[in-house]
N, C-alpha and C. Protein backbone atom coordinates (compact mmCIF):
# COMPACT_ATOMS: atom_id res chain seq x y z
N UNK A 1 0.93 -1.07 0.11
CA UNK A 1 0.16 -0.12 0.05
C UNK A 1 0.89 1.12 -0.03
N UNK A 2 0.46 2.30 -0.70
CA UNK A 2 1.15 3.51 -0.86
C UNK A 2 0.39 4.38 0.26
N UNK A 3 1.26 4.95 1.25
CA UNK A 3 0.72 5.64 2.08
C UNK A 3 1.44 7.20 2.08
N UNK A 4 0.51 8.24 2.22
CA UNK A 4 0.94 9.73 2.28
C UNK A 4 1.10 10.09 3.61
N UNK A 5 2.10 10.85 4.25
CA UNK A 5 1.90 11.46 5.42
C UNK A 5 2.08 13.14 5.18
N UNK A 6 1.20 13.69 5.70
CA UNK A 6 1.22 15.17 5.80
C UNK A 6 0.95 15.82 6.97
N UNK A 7 1.19 16.87 7.43
CA UNK A 7 0.83 17.50 8.60
C UNK A 7 0.67 18.88 8.55
N UNK A 8 -0.12 19.43 9.58
CA UNK A 8 -0.06 21.13 9.70
C UNK A 8 0.40 21.17 11.17
N UNK A 9 0.30 22.37 11.72
CA UNK A 9 0.76 22.52 13.12
C UNK A 9 0.42 21.79 14.10
N UNK A 10 -0.90 21.19 13.94
CA UNK A 10 -1.52 20.55 15.34
C UNK A 10 -1.75 19.00 14.69
N UNK A 11 -1.85 18.55 13.53
CA UNK A 11 -2.19 17.29 13.36
C UNK A 11 -1.29 16.62 12.22
N UNK A 12 -1.27 15.04 12.25
CA UNK A 12 -0.95 14.61 11.16
C UNK A 12 -1.97 13.94 10.56
N UNK A 13 -1.74 13.57 9.03
CA UNK A 13 -2.85 13.04 8.27
C UNK A 13 -2.16 12.16 7.27
N UNK A 14 -2.67 10.89 7.73
CA UNK A 14 -2.18 9.84 6.78
C UNK A 14 -3.26 9.36 5.85
N UNK A 15 -2.85 9.12 4.72
CA UNK A 15 -3.75 8.73 3.51
C UNK A 15 -3.26 7.47 2.90
N UNK A 16 -4.18 6.48 2.53
CA UNK A 16 -3.82 5.34 1.83
C UNK A 16 -4.46 5.28 0.41
N UNK A 17 -3.50 5.18 -0.42
CA UNK A 17 -4.04 5.10 -1.86
C UNK A 17 -4.58 3.89 -2.33
N UNK A 18 -5.81 4.22 -2.66
CA UNK A 18 -6.77 3.05 -3.21
C UNK A 18 -7.45 3.51 -4.43
N UNK A 19 -7.03 2.57 -5.58
CA UNK A 19 -7.76 2.72 -6.80
C UNK A 19 -7.00 4.03 -7.40
N UNK A 20 -7.89 5.20 -7.71
CA UNK A 20 -7.39 6.38 -8.13
C UNK A 20 -7.08 7.50 -7.41
N UNK A 21 -7.22 7.30 -6.08
CA UNK A 21 -6.96 8.40 -5.15
C UNK A 21 -6.69 8.10 -3.76
N UNK A 22 -6.13 9.03 -2.81
CA UNK A 22 -6.08 8.86 -1.50
C UNK A 22 -7.11 8.87 -0.61
N UNK A 23 -7.08 7.93 0.45
CA UNK A 23 -8.29 8.19 1.29
C UNK A 23 -7.85 8.36 2.63
N UNK A 24 -8.37 9.37 3.55
CA UNK A 24 -7.86 9.38 4.72
C UNK A 24 -7.90 8.26 5.67
N UNK A 25 -7.11 7.90 6.66
CA UNK A 25 -6.81 7.01 7.62
C UNK A 25 -6.98 7.65 9.04
N UNK A 26 -7.97 7.09 9.73
CA UNK A 26 -8.40 7.67 10.95
C UNK A 26 -7.11 7.35 12.11
N UNK A 27 -6.44 8.42 12.72
CA UNK A 27 -5.53 7.86 13.69
C UNK A 27 -6.23 7.89 15.09
N UNK A 28 -5.76 6.99 15.79
CA UNK A 28 -6.30 6.82 17.27
C UNK A 28 -5.28 7.54 18.17
N UNK A 29 -5.34 9.00 18.46
CA UNK A 29 -4.36 9.86 19.04
C UNK A 29 -4.83 10.13 20.53
N UNK A 30 -4.20 9.76 21.56
CA UNK A 30 -4.24 10.10 22.78
C UNK A 30 -4.77 11.67 23.01
N UNK A 31 -5.60 11.98 23.62
CA UNK A 31 -5.82 13.51 24.26
C UNK A 31 -4.82 14.16 24.67
N UNK A 32 -4.57 15.31 24.22
CA UNK A 32 -3.41 16.03 24.60
C UNK A 32 -2.03 15.86 23.97
N UNK A 33 -1.98 15.15 23.14
CA UNK A 33 -0.74 14.88 22.42
C UNK A 33 -0.74 15.86 21.29
N UNK A 34 0.37 16.72 21.29
CA UNK A 34 0.56 17.53 20.41
C UNK A 34 1.88 16.99 19.11
N UNK A 35 1.70 17.57 17.90
CA UNK A 35 2.60 16.85 17.24
C UNK A 35 4.08 17.65 16.97
N UNK A 36 5.02 16.86 16.63
CA UNK A 36 6.37 17.52 16.48
C UNK A 36 6.61 18.16 15.27
N UNK A 37 7.31 19.21 15.28
CA UNK A 37 7.67 19.81 13.96
C UNK A 37 8.94 19.13 13.47
N UNK A 38 8.89 18.69 12.29
CA UNK A 38 9.92 18.12 11.75
C UNK A 38 9.72 18.06 10.06
N UNK A 39 10.74 17.63 9.51
CA UNK A 39 10.57 17.35 7.86
C UNK A 39 10.32 16.18 7.69
N UNK A 40 11.40 15.22 7.42
CA UNK A 40 11.07 13.87 6.98
C UNK A 40 11.04 13.07 8.35
N UNK A 41 10.94 11.73 8.10
CA UNK A 41 10.78 10.71 9.32
C UNK A 41 9.89 11.19 10.09
N UNK A 42 8.57 11.26 9.81
CA UNK A 42 7.59 11.51 10.77
C UNK A 42 7.07 9.99 11.33
N UNK A 43 6.90 9.21 10.41
CA UNK A 43 6.24 7.93 10.67
C UNK A 43 6.88 6.97 9.93
N UNK A 44 6.67 5.69 10.59
CA UNK A 44 7.40 4.21 10.14
C UNK A 44 6.43 3.29 10.36
N UNK A 45 6.17 2.54 9.06
CA UNK A 45 5.38 1.46 9.13
C UNK A 45 6.51 0.13 9.09
N UNK A 46 6.60 -0.51 10.46
CA UNK A 46 7.83 -1.35 10.34
C UNK A 46 7.45 -2.70 9.64
N UNK A 47 8.61 -3.57 9.63
CA UNK A 47 8.23 -4.73 8.92
C UNK A 47 7.53 -5.83 9.85
N UNK A 48 7.51 -5.54 11.17
CA UNK A 48 6.82 -6.24 12.07
C UNK A 48 5.19 -5.96 12.17
N UNK A 49 4.97 -4.81 11.10
CA UNK A 49 3.52 -4.47 11.12
C UNK A 49 3.18 -3.24 12.18
N UNK A 50 3.98 -2.98 12.87
CA UNK A 50 3.81 -1.81 13.83
C UNK A 50 4.07 -0.48 13.21
N UNK A 51 3.15 0.64 13.86
CA UNK A 51 3.39 2.03 13.20
C UNK A 51 4.16 2.69 14.46
N UNK A 52 5.03 3.58 13.92
CA UNK A 52 5.65 4.38 14.85
C UNK A 52 5.47 5.83 14.52
N UNK A 53 5.06 6.66 15.37
CA UNK A 53 4.71 8.13 14.93
C UNK A 53 5.52 9.08 15.85
N UNK A 54 6.04 9.80 15.25
CA UNK A 54 7.00 10.92 16.05
C UNK A 54 6.01 12.12 16.53
N UNK A 55 5.87 12.49 17.83
CA UNK A 55 5.14 13.36 18.45
C UNK A 55 6.03 14.39 19.28
N UNK A 56 5.20 15.45 19.60
CA UNK A 56 5.82 16.42 20.72
C UNK A 56 5.87 15.86 21.91
N UNK A 57 5.19 14.85 22.37
CA UNK A 57 4.95 14.14 23.67
C UNK A 57 5.98 12.62 23.67
N UNK A 58 6.33 12.30 22.59
CA UNK A 58 7.28 11.47 22.43
C UNK A 58 6.87 10.37 21.35
N UNK A 59 7.36 9.27 21.28
CA UNK A 59 7.26 8.36 20.04
C UNK A 59 6.02 7.28 20.39
N UNK A 60 4.95 7.44 19.48
CA UNK A 60 3.73 6.56 19.68
C UNK A 60 4.00 5.18 18.95
N UNK A 61 3.63 4.03 19.47
CA UNK A 61 3.70 2.80 18.92
C UNK A 61 2.58 2.47 18.70
N UNK A 62 2.09 1.92 17.68
CA UNK A 62 0.60 1.34 17.22
C UNK A 62 1.20 -0.28 17.00
N UNK A 63 0.98 -0.91 17.92
CA UNK A 63 1.26 -2.40 17.79
C UNK A 63 0.38 -3.26 16.92
N UNK A 64 -0.94 -2.65 16.86
CA UNK A 64 -1.92 -3.39 15.99
C UNK A 64 -2.88 -2.67 15.08
N UNK A 65 -1.99 -1.65 14.41
CA UNK A 65 -2.66 -0.85 13.55
C UNK A 65 -3.02 0.60 14.22
N UNK A 66 -3.21 1.51 13.01
CA UNK A 66 -3.53 2.89 13.36
C UNK A 66 -4.65 3.13 14.15
N UNK A 67 -5.68 2.37 13.94
CA UNK A 67 -6.98 2.53 14.58
C UNK A 67 -6.87 2.04 16.04
N UNK A 68 -5.80 1.34 16.35
CA UNK A 68 -5.84 0.97 17.93
C UNK A 68 -5.35 1.81 18.70
N UNK A 69 -5.36 1.63 20.08
CA UNK A 69 -4.59 2.64 20.86
C UNK A 69 -3.38 2.40 21.01
N UNK A 70 -2.52 3.60 20.93
CA UNK A 70 -1.09 3.46 20.93
C UNK A 70 -0.49 3.39 22.36
N UNK A 71 0.70 2.91 22.42
CA UNK A 71 1.39 3.08 23.66
C UNK A 71 2.52 4.05 23.44
N UNK A 72 2.96 4.85 24.54
CA UNK A 72 4.10 5.70 24.41
C UNK A 72 5.48 4.94 24.66
N UNK A 73 6.27 4.87 23.47
CA UNK A 73 7.37 4.21 23.39
C UNK A 73 8.55 4.85 23.79
N UNK A 74 8.62 6.28 23.76
CA UNK A 74 9.64 6.99 24.24
C UNK A 74 9.19 8.21 24.51
N UNK A 75 9.47 8.96 25.64
CA UNK A 75 9.05 10.14 26.07
C UNK A 75 10.06 11.35 25.53
N UNK A 76 9.42 12.57 25.28
CA UNK A 76 10.26 13.61 24.85
C UNK A 76 9.83 13.95 23.28
N UNK A 77 9.93 15.26 23.14
CA UNK A 77 9.63 15.64 21.75
C UNK A 77 10.40 14.98 20.57
N UNK A 78 9.97 13.91 19.80
CA UNK A 78 10.45 13.19 19.00
C UNK A 78 10.67 13.73 17.54
N UNK A 79 11.66 13.99 17.28
CA UNK A 79 11.97 14.62 16.00
C UNK A 79 11.97 14.10 14.81
N UNK A 80 12.43 12.78 14.97
CA UNK A 80 12.60 11.92 13.57
C UNK A 80 12.51 10.46 14.13
N UNK A 81 11.89 9.54 13.09
CA UNK A 81 12.18 8.02 13.45
C UNK A 81 12.40 7.46 12.26
N UNK A 82 13.00 6.29 12.22
CA UNK A 82 13.62 5.49 11.17
C UNK A 82 13.80 4.05 11.28
N UNK A 83 13.35 3.11 10.48
CA UNK A 83 13.62 1.88 10.67
C UNK A 83 14.56 1.32 9.53
N UNK A 84 15.71 0.68 10.15
CA UNK A 84 16.61 0.03 8.97
C UNK A 84 16.13 -1.24 8.63
N UNK A 85 17.04 -1.78 7.73
CA UNK A 85 16.64 -3.04 7.05
C UNK A 85 16.73 -4.44 8.05
N UNK A 86 17.27 -4.21 9.02
CA UNK A 86 17.34 -5.28 10.23
C UNK A 86 16.03 -5.42 11.17
N UNK A 87 15.27 -3.93 11.18
CA UNK A 87 14.09 -3.87 11.78
C UNK A 87 14.34 -2.98 13.05
N UNK A 88 15.65 -2.46 13.15
CA UNK A 88 16.02 -1.64 14.28
C UNK A 88 15.29 -0.43 14.04
N UNK A 89 14.73 0.19 15.05
CA UNK A 89 14.01 1.51 14.99
C UNK A 89 15.04 2.52 15.64
N UNK A 90 15.12 3.72 14.93
CA UNK A 90 16.02 4.90 15.46
C UNK A 90 15.09 5.98 15.59
N UNK A 91 15.57 6.86 16.62
CA UNK A 91 14.69 8.03 16.85
C UNK A 91 15.60 9.18 17.37
N UNK A 92 15.41 10.32 16.81
CA UNK A 92 16.29 11.51 17.41
C UNK A 92 15.20 12.42 18.16
N UNK A 93 15.69 12.60 19.43
CA UNK A 93 15.02 13.52 20.47
C UNK A 93 15.74 14.51 20.88
N UNK A 94 15.01 15.76 20.71
CA UNK A 94 15.69 17.01 21.20
C UNK A 94 15.31 17.32 22.88
N UNK A 95 16.11 17.50 23.58
CA UNK A 95 15.78 17.89 24.88
C UNK A 95 16.58 19.04 25.50
N UNK A 96 15.91 20.12 25.87
CA UNK A 96 16.39 21.32 26.02
C UNK A 96 17.35 21.31 27.50
N UNK A 97 17.38 20.62 28.35
CA UNK A 97 18.05 20.72 29.64
C UNK A 97 19.19 19.39 29.43
N UNK A 98 18.75 18.38 29.07
CA UNK A 98 19.72 17.22 29.21
C UNK A 98 20.36 16.94 27.92
N UNK A 99 20.45 17.81 26.96
CA UNK A 99 20.84 17.52 25.77
C UNK A 99 20.11 16.48 24.86
N UNK A 100 20.49 16.67 23.50
CA UNK A 100 19.70 15.80 22.71
C UNK A 100 20.32 14.28 22.61
N UNK A 101 19.54 13.61 22.02
CA UNK A 101 19.78 12.02 21.95
C UNK A 101 19.42 11.21 20.65
N UNK A 102 20.13 10.14 20.54
CA UNK A 102 19.70 9.21 19.45
C UNK A 102 19.39 8.04 20.26
N UNK A 103 18.23 7.48 19.82
CA UNK A 103 17.81 6.32 20.67
C UNK A 103 17.59 5.12 19.73
N UNK A 104 17.99 4.05 19.97
CA UNK A 104 17.68 2.77 19.21
C UNK A 104 17.02 1.44 19.89
N UNK A 105 16.08 0.93 19.03
CA UNK A 105 15.62 -0.27 19.71
C UNK A 105 15.58 -1.20 18.63
N UNK A 106 16.08 -2.41 19.18
CA UNK A 106 16.46 -3.62 18.24
C UNK A 106 15.08 -4.25 18.21
N UNK A 107 14.90 -5.17 17.22
CA UNK A 107 13.57 -5.97 17.06
C UNK A 107 13.52 -6.75 18.36
N UNK A 108 12.17 -6.85 18.83
CA UNK A 108 11.96 -7.72 19.98
C UNK A 108 12.50 -7.23 21.27
N UNK A 109 13.06 -6.03 21.32
CA UNK A 109 13.51 -5.35 22.68
C UNK A 109 12.38 -4.73 23.23
N UNK A 110 12.45 -4.62 24.69
CA UNK A 110 11.27 -3.94 25.44
C UNK A 110 11.62 -2.59 25.30
N UNK A 111 12.60 -1.89 25.11
CA UNK A 111 12.78 -0.46 25.14
C UNK A 111 13.89 0.13 24.33
N UNK A 112 13.86 1.36 24.33
CA UNK A 112 15.02 1.89 23.55
C UNK A 112 16.12 2.18 24.35
N UNK A 113 17.47 2.20 23.82
CA UNK A 113 18.51 2.60 24.54
C UNK A 113 18.98 3.88 23.86
N UNK A 114 19.48 4.63 24.96
CA UNK A 114 20.07 5.81 24.37
C UNK A 114 21.57 5.78 23.89
N UNK A 115 21.92 6.38 23.03
CA UNK A 115 23.27 6.28 22.39
C UNK A 115 24.04 7.52 22.50
N UNK A 116 25.58 7.70 23.08
CA UNK A 116 26.11 8.79 23.01
C UNK A 116 27.47 8.99 22.76
N UNK A 117 28.24 9.75 23.35
CA UNK A 117 29.54 9.81 22.99
C UNK A 117 30.29 8.70 23.21
N UNK A 118 30.18 7.75 24.34
CA UNK A 118 30.70 6.53 24.72
C UNK A 118 30.59 5.60 23.39
N UNK A 119 29.60 5.55 22.72
CA UNK A 119 29.37 4.80 21.42
C UNK A 119 30.06 5.45 20.31
N UNK A 120 30.59 6.63 20.38
CA UNK A 120 31.40 7.42 19.14
C UNK A 120 30.65 8.53 18.47
N UNK A 121 29.55 8.81 19.12
CA UNK A 121 28.63 9.89 18.63
C UNK A 121 29.30 11.10 19.10
N UNK A 122 29.28 12.40 18.17
CA UNK A 122 29.67 13.62 18.54
C UNK A 122 28.84 14.17 19.86
N UNK A 123 29.28 14.90 20.61
CA UNK A 123 28.35 15.49 21.81
C UNK A 123 27.14 16.09 21.07
N UNK A 124 26.02 15.73 21.65
CA UNK A 124 24.57 16.04 21.51
C UNK A 124 24.06 16.94 22.66
N UNK A 125 24.81 18.00 22.92
CA UNK A 125 24.31 18.99 23.92
C UNK A 125 23.47 19.97 23.88
N UNK A 126 23.52 20.31 22.55
CA UNK A 126 22.74 21.61 22.06
C UNK A 126 21.46 21.07 21.40
N UNK A 127 20.23 22.05 21.36
CA UNK A 127 19.29 21.60 20.66
C UNK A 127 19.72 21.47 19.26
N UNK A 128 20.30 22.11 18.48
CA UNK A 128 20.77 22.10 17.40
C UNK A 128 21.31 20.66 16.80
N UNK A 129 21.69 19.81 17.63
CA UNK A 129 22.43 18.65 17.54
C UNK A 129 21.58 17.38 17.32
N UNK A 130 20.37 17.67 17.33
CA UNK A 130 19.41 16.47 17.28
C UNK A 130 19.43 15.84 15.77
N UNK A 131 19.32 14.38 15.93
CA UNK A 131 19.41 13.65 14.68
C UNK A 131 18.11 13.98 13.76
N UNK A 132 18.23 14.37 12.57
CA UNK A 132 17.03 15.13 11.88
C UNK A 132 16.72 14.14 10.52
N UNK A 133 17.87 13.55 10.01
CA UNK A 133 17.53 12.63 8.87
C UNK A 133 18.34 11.41 8.80
N UNK A 134 17.89 10.10 8.13
CA UNK A 134 18.46 8.91 8.21
C UNK A 134 18.50 8.37 6.93
N UNK A 135 19.42 7.63 6.42
CA UNK A 135 19.32 6.59 5.31
C UNK A 135 20.11 5.41 5.60
N UNK A 136 20.04 4.33 4.85
CA UNK A 136 20.66 3.34 4.89
C UNK A 136 21.55 2.98 3.61
N UNK A 137 22.73 2.79 3.75
CA UNK A 137 23.40 2.37 2.17
C UNK A 137 23.28 1.08 2.10
N UNK A 138 23.97 0.58 0.69
CA UNK A 138 23.96 -0.85 0.36
C UNK A 138 24.62 -1.78 1.25
N UNK A 139 25.66 -1.41 1.91
CA UNK A 139 26.26 -2.10 2.92
C UNK A 139 25.78 -2.02 4.38
N UNK A 140 24.72 -1.65 4.64
CA UNK A 140 23.88 -1.60 5.77
C UNK A 140 24.29 -0.80 6.70
N UNK A 141 25.04 0.46 6.34
CA UNK A 141 25.70 1.38 7.05
C UNK A 141 24.55 2.40 7.35
N UNK A 142 24.36 3.11 8.58
CA UNK A 142 23.33 4.01 8.66
C UNK A 142 24.05 5.48 8.62
N UNK A 143 23.58 6.17 7.77
CA UNK A 143 24.06 7.62 7.87
C UNK A 143 22.83 8.50 8.41
N UNK A 144 23.40 9.30 9.53
CA UNK A 144 22.71 10.32 10.28
C UNK A 144 22.97 11.70 10.10
N UNK A 145 21.98 12.58 9.60
CA UNK A 145 22.25 13.88 9.49
C UNK A 145 21.87 14.69 10.56
N UNK A 146 22.63 15.93 10.94
CA UNK A 146 22.01 16.39 12.17
C UNK A 146 21.58 17.60 11.80
N UNK A 147 20.73 18.21 12.53
CA UNK A 147 19.98 19.56 12.40
C UNK A 147 21.19 20.47 12.47
N UNK A 148 22.10 20.40 13.18
CA UNK A 148 23.30 21.41 13.15
C UNK A 148 24.20 21.35 11.84
N UNK A 149 24.14 20.24 11.16
CA UNK A 149 24.89 20.33 9.82
C UNK A 149 25.93 19.25 9.93
N UNK A 150 26.13 18.44 11.13
CA UNK A 150 27.01 17.44 10.90
C UNK A 150 26.27 16.22 10.38
N UNK A 151 27.30 15.14 10.13
CA UNK A 151 26.88 13.94 9.41
C UNK A 151 27.61 12.92 9.99
N UNK A 152 26.90 11.77 10.50
CA UNK A 152 27.49 10.69 11.28
C UNK A 152 27.24 9.43 10.52
N UNK A 153 28.25 8.41 10.52
CA UNK A 153 27.97 7.20 10.03
C UNK A 153 28.03 6.05 10.84
N UNK A 154 26.98 5.09 10.97
CA UNK A 154 27.18 4.11 11.94
C UNK A 154 27.45 2.59 11.09
N UNK A 155 28.59 2.25 11.45
CA UNK A 155 29.02 0.91 10.67
C UNK A 155 30.07 0.34 11.95
N UNK A 156 29.98 -1.05 11.78
CA UNK A 156 30.66 -2.14 12.61
C UNK A 156 30.40 -1.78 14.04
N UNK A 157 29.20 -1.41 14.37
CA UNK A 157 29.02 -1.27 15.76
C UNK A 157 29.23 0.21 16.40
N UNK A 158 29.76 1.01 15.53
CA UNK A 158 30.50 2.19 15.96
C UNK A 158 30.04 3.37 15.18
N UNK A 159 29.83 4.60 15.67
CA UNK A 159 29.69 5.70 14.89
C UNK A 159 30.90 6.52 14.63
N UNK A 160 31.03 7.29 13.45
CA UNK A 160 32.02 7.95 12.91
C UNK A 160 31.54 9.29 12.39
N UNK A 161 32.08 10.40 13.14
CA UNK A 161 31.61 11.74 12.76
C UNK A 161 32.18 12.11 11.42
N UNK A 162 31.74 12.31 10.27
CA UNK A 162 32.33 12.86 9.11
C UNK A 162 32.59 14.43 9.06
N UNK A 163 33.85 14.75 8.73
CA UNK A 163 34.06 16.20 9.15
C UNK A 163 34.02 16.95 7.60
N UNK A 164 33.60 18.21 7.79
CA UNK A 164 33.39 18.93 6.70
C UNK A 164 34.41 18.70 5.56
N UNK A 165 35.69 18.82 5.73
CA UNK A 165 36.42 18.71 4.68
C UNK A 165 36.32 17.40 3.77
N UNK A 166 35.73 16.34 4.30
CA UNK A 166 35.46 15.16 3.69
C UNK A 166 34.20 15.25 2.68
N UNK A 167 33.33 16.46 2.68
CA UNK A 167 32.29 16.74 1.98
C UNK A 167 31.13 16.66 2.64
N UNK A 168 31.18 16.64 4.03
CA UNK A 168 29.94 16.80 4.85
C UNK A 168 29.53 18.21 4.95
N UNK A 169 28.24 18.44 5.07
CA UNK A 169 27.63 19.89 5.03
C UNK A 169 28.06 20.47 6.23
N UNK A 170 28.24 21.92 6.25
CA UNK A 170 28.19 22.58 7.40
C UNK A 170 26.99 23.25 7.78
N UNK A 171 25.88 22.99 6.95
CA UNK A 171 24.67 23.59 7.31
C UNK A 171 23.66 22.49 7.70
N UNK A 172 22.47 22.78 8.29
CA UNK A 172 21.60 21.72 8.89
C UNK A 172 21.15 20.87 7.92
N UNK A 173 21.16 19.53 8.35
CA UNK A 173 20.67 18.21 7.09
C UNK A 173 19.25 18.26 7.42
N UNK A 174 18.56 18.16 6.31
CA UNK A 174 17.15 18.21 6.31
C UNK A 174 16.63 16.77 5.67
N UNK A 175 17.49 16.26 4.93
CA UNK A 175 17.26 15.06 3.99
C UNK A 175 18.35 14.33 3.37
N UNK A 176 18.35 12.94 3.43
CA UNK A 176 19.51 12.19 3.07
C UNK A 176 18.75 11.26 2.09
N UNK A 177 19.43 10.91 0.97
CA UNK A 177 18.87 10.12 -0.03
C UNK A 177 20.04 9.23 -0.70
N UNK A 178 19.71 7.78 -1.14
CA UNK A 178 20.96 7.17 -1.63
C UNK A 178 20.20 7.00 -3.00
N UNK A 179 20.86 7.07 -3.96
CA UNK A 179 20.70 6.88 -5.28
C UNK A 179 20.60 5.71 -5.98
N UNK A 180 20.35 5.24 -7.07
CA UNK A 180 20.28 3.85 -7.62
C UNK A 180 21.85 3.41 -7.76
N UNK A 181 22.86 4.54 -8.01
CA UNK A 181 24.28 4.11 -8.21
C UNK A 181 24.89 3.96 -6.74
N UNK A 182 24.02 4.21 -5.53
CA UNK A 182 24.71 4.05 -4.37
C UNK A 182 25.35 5.31 -3.72
N UNK A 183 25.04 6.67 -4.55
CA UNK A 183 25.59 7.81 -4.29
C UNK A 183 24.77 8.45 -3.13
N UNK A 184 25.38 8.96 -2.05
CA UNK A 184 24.72 9.71 -1.02
C UNK A 184 24.43 11.06 -1.31
N UNK A 185 23.16 11.54 -1.32
CA UNK A 185 22.76 12.91 -1.35
C UNK A 185 22.29 13.59 -0.24
N UNK A 186 22.60 14.95 0.08
CA UNK A 186 22.37 15.52 1.20
C UNK A 186 21.80 16.74 0.93
N UNK A 187 20.40 16.96 1.64
CA UNK A 187 19.88 18.27 1.48
C UNK A 187 19.87 18.91 2.72
N UNK A 188 20.25 20.18 2.46
CA UNK A 188 20.60 21.00 3.77
C UNK A 188 19.70 22.41 3.82
N UNK A 189 19.72 23.14 4.81
CA UNK A 189 18.84 24.22 4.94
C UNK A 189 19.58 25.44 4.43
């Protein structure tokens, strides 16, 4: 199924393409949930059938479809969510007092783990350091663009910060794309 995700300041709208047009899908959203502001990576329909939705209150997990009651899988304004080819869910969460975070949940795990400098990430102390875009390359490496403009690669269980002289952007990363030749394209602000 082809799904489109759009949003305004207050709501997300999901629509399923059926026949010749899109049809709205009704979301079951808990009262008081406000939606996050972000560009890409608002929602993920995982290989397991779960839906993950980034909101201003946290990451909502719909285990049995969008019409069912969701659970709050991670707290805090969730800026981006991504699932890699192994079924691992990644989330970027800005936090004004404790610093930003990159969180990861392996398939079948009960909770998300917070990743940080001990894992090889650059410091994520400022609001602008939040992970904002994700893509996976043909080798299974995860590329993560930061709102502040840095670029990080996850391979072999470790993170590597890609410096600007290597071609990484110095401006905020808004989108990452891998083309058919395997080239990485970076959209900045």
